[in-house]
Amino acid sequence: MRSWSPYAVGTGIGVLSWFAFATADNHLAITLQYEHIAAMAIPNAQYYAARAAEGLEPKVGWYLMLLIGVFIGAFLSSWLSGDRGRIAVPPLWRWRFGESRTKRFAAAFIGGGVMVLGARIAGGCTSGHGISGTLQLAVQSWSFILVAFAVAIATAFLIFGREGRNHV
């Protein structure tokens, strides 16, 4: 199917989160794994000791498999739905920044890096805070998700302006 009901997706993510808590005693979290992958690629004894003391030593485990599963699941969903677009430079980006594929991919890569850095500074990502943390009614998670939405809206207006909606 080309698109899913947001209610079905929300229900599915909620059930997945409950399942993760019940069976693996883990919450859904993604960005911590980028830090762990970097630590495994460039070992640092001091980092490992500090993380091991917190019970978060870098290892191939549940969270890394979740990260890999997200990539595989997204690819399969896109491929099976036939909804994998061939547009490398979307119309709104083209209107604002031009046709350059290199500029588009560089901005996406840098933006992703900034998001991971921000999530690590905030102590979690939209999966850890927005799904698992809010389900647990954590004040930090609710604060995070409200600020994340506000910043995303402000950033969209800053980059594309009000007139950008006419170029989608």
Foldseek 3Di string as FASTA:
>chain_A
DQDDDVVVVLVVLQVVQVCCCVPVVDGAFALVLVVLVVCVVPPDVVVQVVCVVVVRHRDPDDRVVSNVVVVVVVVVVCVVNVVDDPDLQDQLNCVQPNDDSVVSVVCVVVVVVVQSVVQVVLVGHCRVLVRNVVVVVPPSSVVVVVVVVVVVVVVCCVRRNPCSVVRD
